[in-house]
Every structure is written in C-alpha cells, then in structure tokens.
C-alpha atoms as a PDB file:
ATOM      1  CA  MET A   1      25.863 -24.051 -31.984  1.00  0.00           C
ATOM      2  CA  SER A   2      26.854 -27.370 -33.352  1.00  0.00           C
ATOM      3  CA  LYS A   3      24.994 -30.699 -34.978  1.00  0.00           C
ATOM      4  CA  THR A   4      26.085 -32.737 -32.468  1.00  0.00           C
ATOM      5  CA  LEU A   5      24.831 -30.655 -29.438  1.00  0.00           C
ATOM      6  CA  LEU A   6      21.194 -30.107 -30.613  1.00  0.00           C
ATOM      7  CA  ALA A   7      21.330 -34.192 -31.683  1.00  0.00           C
ATOM      8  CA  GLY A   8      22.393 -34.664 -28.147  1.00  0.00           C
ATOM      9  CA  LEU A   9      19.264 -32.624 -26.937  1.00  0.00           C
ATOM     10  CA  GLY A  10      16.869 -34.056 -29.160  1.00  0.00           C
ATOM     11  CA  VAL A  11      17.338 -37.550 -26.936  1.00  0.00           C
ATOM     12  CA  MET A  12      18.389 -35.770 -23.328  1.00  0.00           C
ATOM     13  CA  MET A  13      15.097 -35.701 -22.906  1.00  0.00           C
ATOM     14  CA  PHE A  14      14.703 -39.411 -22.021  1.00  0.00           C
ATOM     15  CA  THR A  15      18.534 -40.561 -20.986  1.00  0.00           C
ATOM     16  CA  ALA A  16      19.123 -37.830 -18.407  1.00  0.00           C
ATOM     17  CA  PRO A  17      17.400 -37.697 -15.697  1.00  0.00           C
ATOM     18  CA  ALA A  18      20.158 -35.280 -14.252  1.00  0.00           C
ATOM     19  CA  PHE A  19      18.371 -31.865 -15.334  1.00  0.00           C
ATOM     20  CA  ALA A  20      21.129 -29.532 -13.853  1.00  0.00           C
ATOM     21  CA  GLN A  21      23.332 -31.043 -16.441  1.00  0.00           C
ATOM     22  CA  THR A  22      24.827 -28.277 -18.498  1.00  0.00           C
ATOM     23  CA  ILE A  23      24.224 -27.853 -22.409  1.00  0.00           C
ATOM     24  CA  ALA A  24      25.644 -24.911 -23.018  1.00  0.00           C
ATOM     25  CA  LYS A  25      28.041 -21.942 -22.415  1.00  0.00           C
ATOM     26  CA  VAL A  26      28.053 -18.732 -23.507  1.00  0.00           C
ATOM     27  CA  GLY A  27      31.233 -16.334 -22.870  1.00  0.00           C
ATOM     28  CA  GLY A  28      31.778 -19.147 -20.182  1.00  0.00           C
ATOM     29  CA  VAL A  29      28.414 -18.779 -18.613  1.00  0.00           C
ATOM     30  CA  PRO A  30      26.121 -22.264 -18.554  1.00  0.00           C
ATOM     31  CA  ILE A  31      23.498 -23.208 -19.166  1.00  0.00           C
ATOM     32  CA  THR A  32      20.995 -25.734 -18.098  1.00  0.00           C
ATOM     33  CA  LEU A  33      18.864 -28.201 -18.948  1.00  0.00           C
ATOM     34  CA  GLN A  34      16.096 -27.442 -16.104  1.00  0.00           C
ATOM     35  CA  GLN A  35      17.062 -23.595 -17.178  1.00  0.00           C
ATOM     36  CA  VAL A  36      15.472 -24.013 -21.337  1.00  0.00           C
ATOM     37  CA  ILE A  37      12.304 -26.066 -19.202  1.00  0.00           C
ATOM     38  CA  SER A  38      12.399 -23.805 -16.672  1.00  0.00           C
ATOM     39  CA  ALA A  39      11.745 -21.375 -19.528  1.00  0.00           C
ATOM     40  CA  ASN A  40       9.338 -23.482 -21.001  1.00  0.00           C
ATOM     41  CA  PRO A  41       7.334 -26.441 -20.142  1.00  0.00           C
ATOM     42  CA  ALA A  42       6.904 -27.364 -23.476  1.00  0.00           C
ATOM     43  CA  ALA A  43      10.647 -28.040 -24.264  1.00  0.00           C
ATOM     44  CA  LYS A  44      10.214 -30.900 -21.970  1.00  0.00           C
ATOM     45  CA  THR A  45       8.672 -33.213 -24.669  1.00  0.00           C
ATOM     46  CA  ASN A  46       8.958 -31.358 -27.681  1.00  0.00           C
ATOM     47  CA  LYS A  47      12.407 -31.435 -29.268  1.00  0.00           C
ATOM     48  CA  LYS A  48      12.014 -28.676 -31.305  1.00  0.00           C
ATOM     49  CA  ILE A  49      10.514 -26.835 -28.777  1.00  0.00           C
ATOM     50  CA  ARG A  50      13.500 -27.617 -26.655  1.00  0.00           C
ATOM     51  CA  GLN A  51      15.943 -26.375 -29.810  1.00  0.00           C
ATOM     52  CA  SER A  52      14.242 -23.147 -30.050  1.00  0.00           C
ATOM     53  CA  THR A  53      13.693 -22.157 -26.389  1.00  0.00           C
ATOM     54  CA  LEU A  54      17.653 -22.858 -26.421  1.00  0.00           C
ATOM     55  CA  PHE A  55      18.763 -20.564 -28.757  1.00  0.00           C
ATOM     56  CA  GLY A  56      16.866 -17.777 -27.205  1.00  0.00           C
ATOM     57  CA  LEU A  57      18.768 -18.641 -23.607  1.00  0.00           C
ATOM     58  CA  ILE A  58      21.527 -18.930 -25.646  1.00  0.00           C
ATOM     59  CA  ASN A  59      21.064 -15.095 -27.399  1.00  0.00           C
ATOM     60  CA  ARG A  60      19.069 -13.847 -24.646  1.00  0.00           C
ATOM     61  CA  GLN A  61      22.870 -14.487 -22.317  1.00  0.00           C
ATOM     62  CA  ALA A  62      25.068 -13.284 -25.318  1.00  0.00           C
ATOM     63  CA  VAL A  63      23.010 -10.140 -24.831  1.00  0.00           C
ATOM     64  CA  ILE A  64      23.319  -9.739 -21.206  1.00  0.00           C
ATOM     65  CA  ASN A  65      27.217 -10.813 -21.138  1.00  0.00           C
ATOM     66  CA  ALA A  66      27.494  -8.254 -23.482  1.00  0.00           C
ATOM     67  CA  ALA A  67      25.854  -5.667 -21.301  1.00  0.00           C
ATOM     68  CA  ASP A  68      27.548  -6.053 -18.340  1.00  0.00           C
ATOM     69  CA  ARG A  69      30.879  -5.352 -20.076  1.00  0.00           C
ATOM     70  CA  GLU A  70      29.934  -2.437 -20.740  1.00  0.00           C
ATOM     71  CA  HIS A  71      28.558  -1.654 -17.578  1.00  0.00           C
ATOM     72  CA  LEU A  72      24.894  -0.991 -18.039  1.00  0.00           C
ATOM     73  CA  GLN A  73      23.603  -2.674 -15.181  1.00  0.00           C
ATOM     74  CA  ASP A  74      26.187   0.548 -13.522  1.00  0.00           C
ATOM     75  CA  SER A  75      23.134   3.506 -15.766  1.00  0.00           C
ATOM     76  CA  ALA A  76      21.743   6.303 -14.172  1.00  0.00           C
ATOM     77  CA  ALA A  77      18.424   4.518 -17.261  1.00  0.00           C
ATOM     78  CA  TYR A  78      19.308   0.884 -16.151  1.00  0.00           C
ATOM     79  CA  LYS A  79      18.532   1.723 -12.271  1.00  0.00           C
ATOM     80  CA  ASP A  80      15.028   3.870 -12.479  1.00  0.00           C
ATOM     81  CA  LEU A  81      13.619   1.014 -15.152  1.00  0.00           C
ATOM     82  CA  VAL A  82      14.866  -1.546 -12.800  1.00  0.00           C
ATOM     83  CA  ALA A  83      13.161   1.477 -10.029  1.00  0.00           C
ATOM     84  CA  GLN A  84      10.156   0.879 -12.194  1.00  0.00           C
ATOM     85  CA  ALA A  85       9.530  -3.176 -12.563  1.00  0.00           C
ATOM     86  CA  LYS A  86       9.868  -3.184  -8.804  1.00  0.00           C
ATOM     87  CA  THR A  87       7.342  -0.634  -8.576  1.00  0.00           C
ATOM     88  CA  HIS A  88       4.951  -2.204 -11.116  1.00  0.00           C
ATOM     89  CA  ILE A  89       5.759  -5.573  -9.121  1.00  0.00           C
ATOM     90  CA  LEU A  90       4.525  -4.488  -5.621  1.00  0.00           C
ATOM     91  CA  ILE A  91       1.461  -2.791  -7.584  1.00  0.00           C
ATOM     92  CA  ASN A  92       0.690  -6.016  -9.113  1.00  0.00           C
ATOM     93  CA  LEU A  93       1.472  -8.305  -6.368  1.00  0.00           C
ATOM     94  CA  ALA A  94      -1.101  -5.963  -4.375  1.00  0.00           C
ATOM     95  CA  ALA A  95      -3.856  -6.334  -6.508  1.00  0.00           C
ATOM     96  CA  GLN A  96      -3.691  -9.881  -6.169  1.00  0.00           C
ATOM     97  CA  ASN A  97      -3.692  -9.925  -2.572  1.00  0.00           C
ATOM     98  CA  TYR A  98      -6.650  -7.394  -2.251  1.00  0.00           C
ATOM     99  CA  VAL A  99      -8.215 -10.293  -5.194  1.00  0.00           C
ATOM    100  CA  LYS A 100      -8.205 -13.208  -3.131  1.00  0.00           C
ATOM    101  CA  ALA A 101      -9.026 -11.399  -0.086  1.00  0.00           C
ATOM    102  CA  HIS A 102     -11.809  -9.806  -1.303  1.00  0.00           C
ATOM    103  CA  PRO A 103     -13.354 -12.110  -3.770  1.00  0.00           C
ATOM    104  CA  ILE A 104     -16.710 -11.666  -5.959  1.00  0.00           C
ATOM    105  CA  LYS A 105     -18.742 -14.268  -5.008  1.00  0.00           C
ATOM    106  CA  PRO A 106     -20.798 -16.179  -8.199  1.00  0.00           C
ATOM    107  CA  ALA A 107     -23.796 -14.544  -7.177  1.00  0.00           C
ATOM    108  CA  GLN A 108     -22.452 -11.301  -7.431  1.00  0.00           C
ATOM    109  CA  VAL A 109     -21.058 -12.272 -10.609  1.00  0.00           C
ATOM    110  CA  LYS A 110     -24.377 -13.865 -11.996  1.00  0.00           C
ATOM    111  CA  GLN A 111     -26.065 -10.930 -10.851  1.00  0.00           C
ATOM    112  CA  GLU A 112     -23.506  -8.762 -12.625  1.00  0.00           C
ATOM    113  CA  TYR A 113     -24.431 -11.039 -16.037  1.00  0.00           C
ATOM    114  CA  ASP A 114     -27.731 -10.082 -15.570  1.00  0.00           C
ATOM    115  CA  LYS A 115     -27.888  -6.317 -15.030  1.00  0.00           C
ATOM    116  CA  ILE A 116     -26.155  -6.414 -18.467  1.00  0.00           C
ATOM    117  CA  PHE A 117     -27.149  -8.328 -20.619  1.00  0.00           C
ATOM    118  CA  GLY A 118     -31.199  -8.875 -19.438  1.00  0.00           C
ATOM    119  CA  LYS A 119     -32.307  -5.826 -21.287  1.00  0.00           C
ATOM    120  CA  PRO A 120     -33.196  -6.229 -24.691  1.00  0.00           C
ATOM    121  CA  MET A 121     -30.112  -6.686 -26.681  1.00  0.00           C
ATOM    122  CA  PRO A 122     -29.315  -3.828 -29.497  1.00  0.00           C
ATOM    123  CA  MET A 123     -30.109  -5.038 -33.211  1.00  0.00           C
ATOM    124  CA  GLU A 124     -27.362  -6.191 -35.571  1.00  0.00           C
ATOM    125  CA  TYR A 125     -27.976  -5.729 -39.451  1.00  0.00           C
ATOM    126  CA  ARG A 126     -26.521  -8.382 -42.492  1.00  0.00           C
ATOM    127  CA  LEU A 127     -25.411  -5.954 -45.136  1.00  0.00           C
ATOM    128  CA  ARG A 128     -23.565  -5.139 -48.691  1.00  0.00           C
ATOM    129  CA  VAL A 129     -22.498  -1.615 -49.791  1.00  0.00           C
ATOM    130  CA  ILE A 130     -21.494   0.124 -52.608  1.00  0.00           C
ATOM    131  CA  GLN A 131     -18.880   3.096 -51.447  1.00  0.00           C
ATOM    132  CA  VAL A 132     -18.667   5.861 -54.374  1.00  0.00           C
ATOM    133  CA  ALA A 133     -17.033   9.138 -54.231  1.00  0.00           C
ATOM    134  CA  THR A 134     -19.973  11.317 -56.450  1.00  0.00           C
ATOM    135  CA  TYR A 135     -23.735  10.580 -56.950  1.00  0.00           C
ATOM    136  CA  LYS A 136     -23.499  10.131 -60.428  1.00  0.00           C
ATOM    137  CA  ASP A 137     -21.227   6.868 -59.396  1.00  0.00           C
ATOM    138  CA  ALA A 138     -24.012   5.951 -57.617  1.00  0.00           C
ATOM    139  CA  LYS A 139     -26.745   6.458 -59.241  1.00  0.00           C
ATOM    140  CA  SER A 140     -24.987   4.957 -62.352  1.00  0.00           C
ATOM    141  CA  ALA A 141     -24.226   1.573 -60.253  1.00  0.00           C
ATOM    142  CA  LEU A 142     -27.187   1.483 -58.887  1.00  0.00           C
ATOM    143  CA  ASP A 143     -29.471   1.690 -63.029  1.00  0.00           C
ATOM    144  CA  GLN A 144     -26.768  -1.342 -63.434  1.00  0.00           C
ATOM    145  CA  ILE A 145     -28.243  -3.456 -60.932  1.00  0.00           C
ATOM    146  CA  ARG A 146     -31.754  -2.090 -61.673  1.00  0.00           C
ATOM    147  CA  LYS A 147     -31.361  -3.656 -64.663  1.00  0.00           C
ATOM    148  CA  GLY A 148     -30.658  -6.713 -63.190  1.00  0.00           C
ATOM    149  CA  LYS A 149     -27.199  -6.816 -62.505  1.00  0.00           C
ATOM    150  CA  SER A 150     -26.544  -8.454 -58.676  1.00  0.00           C
ATOM    151  CA  PHE A 151     -24.313  -5.848 -56.397  1.00  0.00           C
ATOM    152  CA  SER A 152     -21.661  -7.941 -55.312  1.00  0.00           C
ATOM    153  CA  VAL A 153     -20.654  -7.805 -58.620  1.00  0.00           C
ATOM    154  CA  VAL A 154     -21.401  -3.943 -59.376  1.00  0.00           C
ATOM    155  CA  ALA A 155     -19.894  -3.796 -56.354  1.00  0.00           C
ATOM    156  CA  ALA A 156     -16.782  -5.587 -57.103  1.00  0.00           C
ATOM    157  CA  GLU A 157     -16.131  -3.470 -60.287  1.00  0.00           C
ATOM    158  CA  VAL A 158     -16.935   0.069 -58.491  1.00  0.00           C
ATOM    159  CA  SER A 159     -16.754   0.451 -55.108  1.00  0.00           C
ATOM    160  CA  GLU A 160     -13.871   1.983 -53.675  1.00  0.00           C
ATOM    161  CA  ASP A 161     -14.617   0.326 -49.704  1.00  0.00           C
ATOM    162  CA  LYS A 162     -11.708  -2.025 -51.986  1.00  0.00           C
ATOM    163  CA  GLY A 163     -11.698  -4.779 -48.570  1.00  0.00           C
ATOM    164  CA  SER A 164     -16.356  -4.858 -49.469  1.00  0.00           C
ATOM    165  CA  ALA A 165     -15.221  -4.607 -52.821  1.00  0.00           C
ATOM    166  CA  GLN A 166     -13.198  -8.392 -52.769  1.00  0.00           C
ATOM    167  CA  VAL A 167     -15.990 -10.042 -51.397  1.00  0.00           C
ATOM    168  CA  GLY A 168     -19.420  -8.353 -53.401  1.00  0.00           C
ATOM    169  CA  GLY A 169     -19.664  -5.848 -50.969  1.00  0.00           C
ATOM    170  CA  GLU A 170     -20.242  -7.755 -48.119  1.00  0.00           C
ATOM    171  CA  LEU A 171     -19.641  -6.435 -44.111  1.00  0.00           C
ATOM    172  CA  GLY A 172     -20.921  -8.883 -42.467  1.00  0.00           C
ATOM    173  CA  TRP A 173     -23.416  -8.209 -39.324  1.00  0.00           C
ATOM    174  CA  GLN A 174     -23.180  -4.733 -38.202  1.00  0.00           C
ATOM    175  CA  ILE A 175     -24.468  -3.538 -34.668  1.00  0.00           C
ATOM    176  CA  ALA A 176     -26.996  -1.066 -34.823  1.00  0.00           C
ATOM    177  CA  THR A 177     -24.954   1.581 -33.312  1.00  0.00           C
ATOM    178  CA  HIS A 178     -21.927   0.755 -35.188  1.00  0.00           C
ATOM    179  CA  LEU A 179     -23.774   2.252 -38.150  1.00  0.00           C
ATOM    180  CA  ALA A 180     -23.369   5.811 -39.652  1.00  0.00           C
ATOM    181  CA  ALA A 181     -26.493   7.328 -38.675  1.00  0.00           C
ATOM    182  CA  PRO A 182     -27.624   8.308 -42.054  1.00  0.00           C
ATOM    183  CA  VAL A 183     -26.779   4.293 -42.936  1.00  0.00           C
ATOM    184  CA  LEU A 184     -28.748   3.416 -40.085  1.00  0.00           C
ATOM    185  CA  LYS A 185     -31.539   5.502 -40.450  1.00  0.00           C
ATOM    186  CA  THR A 186     -31.973   3.668 -44.606  1.00  0.00           C
ATOM    187  CA  VAL A 187     -31.240   0.272 -43.058  1.00  0.00           C
ATOM    188  CA  LYS A 188     -34.264   1.210 -40.679  1.00  0.00           C
ATOM    189  CA  THR A 189     -37.028   1.423 -42.976  1.00  0.00           C
ATOM    190  CA  MET A 190     -35.406  -1.743 -45.305  1.00  0.00           C
ATOM    191  CA  LYS A 191     -36.887  -4.790 -45.789  1.00  0.00           C
ATOM    192  CA  VAL A 192     -34.381  -7.946 -46.253  1.00  0.00           C
ATOM    193  CA  GLY A 193     -33.079  -8.530 -49.706  1.00  0.00           C
ATOM    194  CA  GLN A 194     -33.645  -4.643 -50.837  1.00  0.00           C
ATOM    195  CA  VAL A 195     -30.720  -1.915 -52.072  1.00  0.00           C
ATOM    196  CA  ALA A 196     -32.170   2.361 -50.887  1.00  0.00           C
ATOM    197  CA  GLY A 197     -29.279   4.681 -51.742  1.00  0.00           C
ATOM    198  CA  PRO A 198     -27.719   6.746 -52.574  1.00  0.00           C
ATOM    199  CA  VAL A 199     -27.156   7.818 -48.608  1.00  0.00           C
ATOM    200  CA  ALA A 200     -24.587  10.475 -48.214  1.00  0.00           C
ATOM    201  CA  LEU A 201     -21.924   9.975 -46.003  1.00  0.00           C
ATOM    202  CA  SER A 202     -18.833  12.356 -45.084  1.00  0.00           C
ATOM    203  CA  LYS A 203     -17.567  10.957 -47.618  1.00  0.00           C
ATOM    204  CA  GLY A 204     -19.282  10.150 -50.799  1.00  0.00           C
ATOM    205  CA  PHE A 205     -21.913   7.973 -51.398  1.00  0.00           C
ATOM    206  CA  SER A 206     -23.359   4.975 -50.775  1.00  0.00           C
ATOM    207  CA  LEU A 207     -25.506   1.582 -51.826  1.00  0.00           C
ATOM    208  CA  ILE A 208     -26.832  -0.653 -49.606  1.00  0.00           C
ATOM    209  CA  GLN A 209     -28.366  -3.531 -50.340  1.00  0.00           C
ATOM    210  CA  LEU A 210     -29.680  -5.537 -46.719  1.00  0.00           C
ATOM    211  CA  LEU A 211     -29.236  -8.992 -46.074  1.00  0.00           C
ATOM    212  CA  GLY A 212     -30.664  -9.991 -42.984  1.00  0.00           C
ATOM    213  CA  GLU A 213     -31.403  -8.745 -38.849  1.00  0.00           C
ATOM    214  CA  ARG A 214     -31.684 -10.050 -35.602  1.00  0.00           C
ATOM    215  CA  GLN A 215     -31.172  -9.079 -32.033  1.00  0.00           C
ATOM    216  CA  THR A 216     -27.296  -9.290 -31.342  1.00  0.00           C
ATOM    217  CA  PRO A 217     -26.825 -12.980 -29.424  1.00  0.00           C
ATOM    218  CA  LYS A 218     -26.288 -13.236 -26.199  1.00  0.00           C
ATOM    219  CA  PRO A 219     -24.042 -14.867 -24.801  1.00  0.00           C
ATOM    220  CA  SER A 220     -24.135 -17.387 -22.202  1.00  0.00           C
ATOM    221  CA  PHE A 221     -23.752 -16.985 -18.248  1.00  0.00           C
ATOM    222  CA  ASP A 222     -20.629 -19.167 -18.903  1.00  0.00           C
ATOM    223  CA  ASP A 223     -19.017 -17.951 -21.507  1.00  0.00           C
ATOM    224  CA  VAL A 224     -18.584 -14.868 -20.309  1.00  0.00           C
ATOM    225  CA  LYS A 225     -18.287 -14.676 -16.202  1.00  0.00           C
ATOM    226  CA  ALA A 226     -14.041 -14.933 -16.267  1.00  0.00           C
ATOM    227  CA  LYS A 227     -14.212 -11.192 -18.125  1.00  0.00           C
ATOM    228  CA  ILE A 228     -16.883  -9.725 -15.776  1.00  0.00           C
ATOM    229  CA  THR A 229     -15.587 -11.565 -12.452  1.00  0.00           C
ATOM    230  CA  SER A 230     -12.486 -10.130 -13.829  1.00  0.00           C
ATOM    231  CA  GLU A 231     -13.924  -6.635 -14.838  1.00  0.00           C
ATOM    232  CA  MET A 232     -15.645  -6.900 -11.290  1.00  0.00           C
ATOM    233  CA  GLU A 233     -12.426  -7.223  -9.827  1.00  0.00           C
ATOM    234  CA  GLN A 234     -10.809  -4.411 -11.223  1.00  0.00           C
ATOM    235  CA  ARG A 235     -13.425  -1.559 -10.464  1.00  0.00           C
ATOM    236  CA  GLU A 236     -13.108  -2.799  -6.615  1.00  0.00           C
ATOM    237  CA  TRP A 237      -9.532  -2.492  -6.967  1.00  0.00           C
ATOM    238  CA  ILE A 238     -10.068   0.680  -8.142  1.00  0.00           C
ATOM    239  CA  GLN A 239     -12.237   1.573  -5.072  1.00  0.00           C
ATOM    240  CA  HIS A 240      -9.651   0.406  -2.940  1.00  0.00           C
ATOM    241  CA  ILE A 241      -7.109   2.128  -4.045  1.00  0.00           C
ATOM    242  CA  ILE A 242      -9.327   5.736  -3.769  1.00  0.00           C
ATOM    243  CA  LYS A 243     -10.477   4.992  -0.429  1.00  0.00           C
ATOM    244  CA  MET A 244      -6.504   4.428   0.638  1.00  0.00           C
ATOM    245  CA  ARG A 245      -5.537   7.372  -0.749  1.00  0.00           C
ATOM    246  CA  THR A 246      -7.969   9.053   1.238  1.00  0.00           C
ATOM    247  CA  GLU A 247      -7.059   7.209   5.051  1.00  0.00           C
ATOM    248  CA  GLN A 248      -3.687   8.316   3.669  1.00  0.00           C
ATOM    249  CA  ASN A 249      -4.366  11.813   2.585  1.00  0.00           C
ATOM    250  CA  ALA A 250      -3.377  12.168  -0.840  1.00  0.00           C
ATOM    251  CA  HIS A 251      -3.407  15.369  -2.017  1.00  0.00           C
ATOM    252  CA  LEU A 252      -1.414  18.312  -4.602  1.00  0.00           C
ATOM    253  CA  VAL A 253       1.050  20.130  -2.540  1.00  0.00           C
ATOM    254  CA  ILE A 254       1.248  22.233  -6.044  1.00  0.00           C
ATOM    255  CA  PRO A 255      -1.625  23.075  -8.093  1.00  0.00           C
ATOM    256  CA  ILE A 256      -1.512  21.266 -11.536  1.00  0.00           C
ATOM    257  CA  SER A 257      -1.496  24.344 -14.426  1.00  0.00           C
ATOM    258  CA  GLY A 258      -1.840  24.943 -18.019  1.00  0.00           C
ATOM    259  CA  ASN A 259      -3.925  22.922 -20.970  1.00  0.00           C
END
C-alpha cells in the first residue's frame, strides 16, 4: 500500500462523498470506501482507524483469494463449517425473536432483584497474609511481627505467595465464602488490626492480619437490571426449548452407553 494512497485516504472522507469509489484492489478485487466504513463505522471520522481497517480488509481479501485458488470452498470441511454457521445463525435468530415476542416486564426484573438482594449480603474481609511452607517458618515470621516489624515488610520478605508479597501481603476485600475454611474460621474470631496464625492449610501455613470487615455492598437496581434481564431472558428461552422438545416428541432412539 503506497504512502500516496494512504494520504489520499486521509482526506477522502472530507472531499469525496462517493463512498462506492474503489480505494484498493487485491488480486483485481476492489475494496471501496463504503466497505471500510461498514466494517468499522468509527473509520468515518478517524484517519488512523480508516487506515487500519483498510489494511484489515486487504489482508482478509488476500486470504480469501488464496483460499479460492485452492478451491477450499469445495472441501467437506468448508461445507461442514458453513452448515454449522447456518445452524448457529438460525438458533440465535429464533432466540432473539422469542425474547422480542415475550419481553420481560420491568416489574418482573425488580421482583427478581428483590429476591436476589433482599436477603442479607455475605460478609467480606480485607486481609493481609504471609504464606510459607513450614510451621517453623510461620513461627519465625510471627516472632518478627511480635517484635515490632511491620506485617507488610515481613510478607514482602518471606511470603511464598509472590503476588500478594509484592504488595505487603495485601489480598484486598475477600468474600467470606471464597476463603479457605481454616482461614474463615480464624478470621471470624479476630478483631480489626489483629494478627493470627499460623493457620494450617492444604499447602503450608499462613499468618493473617485482619484490616477490615463489612457486608458485601449491595448493587443498585440500575447497576444490575440489564444483567438480571438477560439472565431471565435466558431462563425463559431454555424453558421454551424444553417445551418445544416435548411438543416435538424428542426422545432417544438408542440409549447412551458408556461413562
């Protein structure tokens, strides 16, 4: 692609309304300005995006031309992939049409929100940890902390959890149900600022510092209504599929065997 053509592409948007104009050819196949804009609408007002989008279309057409020369469109693999694509498109269109014909009402979404978030939210704990291989190493680290050395400094020096060690053992806010059972059991007995351990885990031992505790913040309805709506639509669609299976007498002709 010449610099002259790219420079022309940069001003074409403002001087040539004829979007059907050919701006590149690949093996004789034309690429128009309209194709560039259709591929990426942002190309209409951004020179760099126009250029990168054009290069993408050129690359794509070069591959298509090579595939045509090899007659890949006649292969069984190509025909199988086309059939699969058609199936996916039909299924997606059927789902979209069903959802459009059976919209979830705002009151239903609010009811689902109240159902999910109406109960108490789980506890979260903000923690620092020091993870080591042996009980002896954990005791040694604990002794340093008890003698006045900062937990975060000891974590940076000896913790084998290198990710948290780089930030002084900080794990941030952790939902209670995500914590290992021995850690959660210990944390529930701690006061903010306290250090506890060693706590035996499946791999090694941990020292824990509790930095804070709170209930998980409840999201506002506006923040999650789109997600809840999507999940409800998906559930409704699955139920519709089950109904269609029954109506169409879907059944196994040969029992599935094996593990």
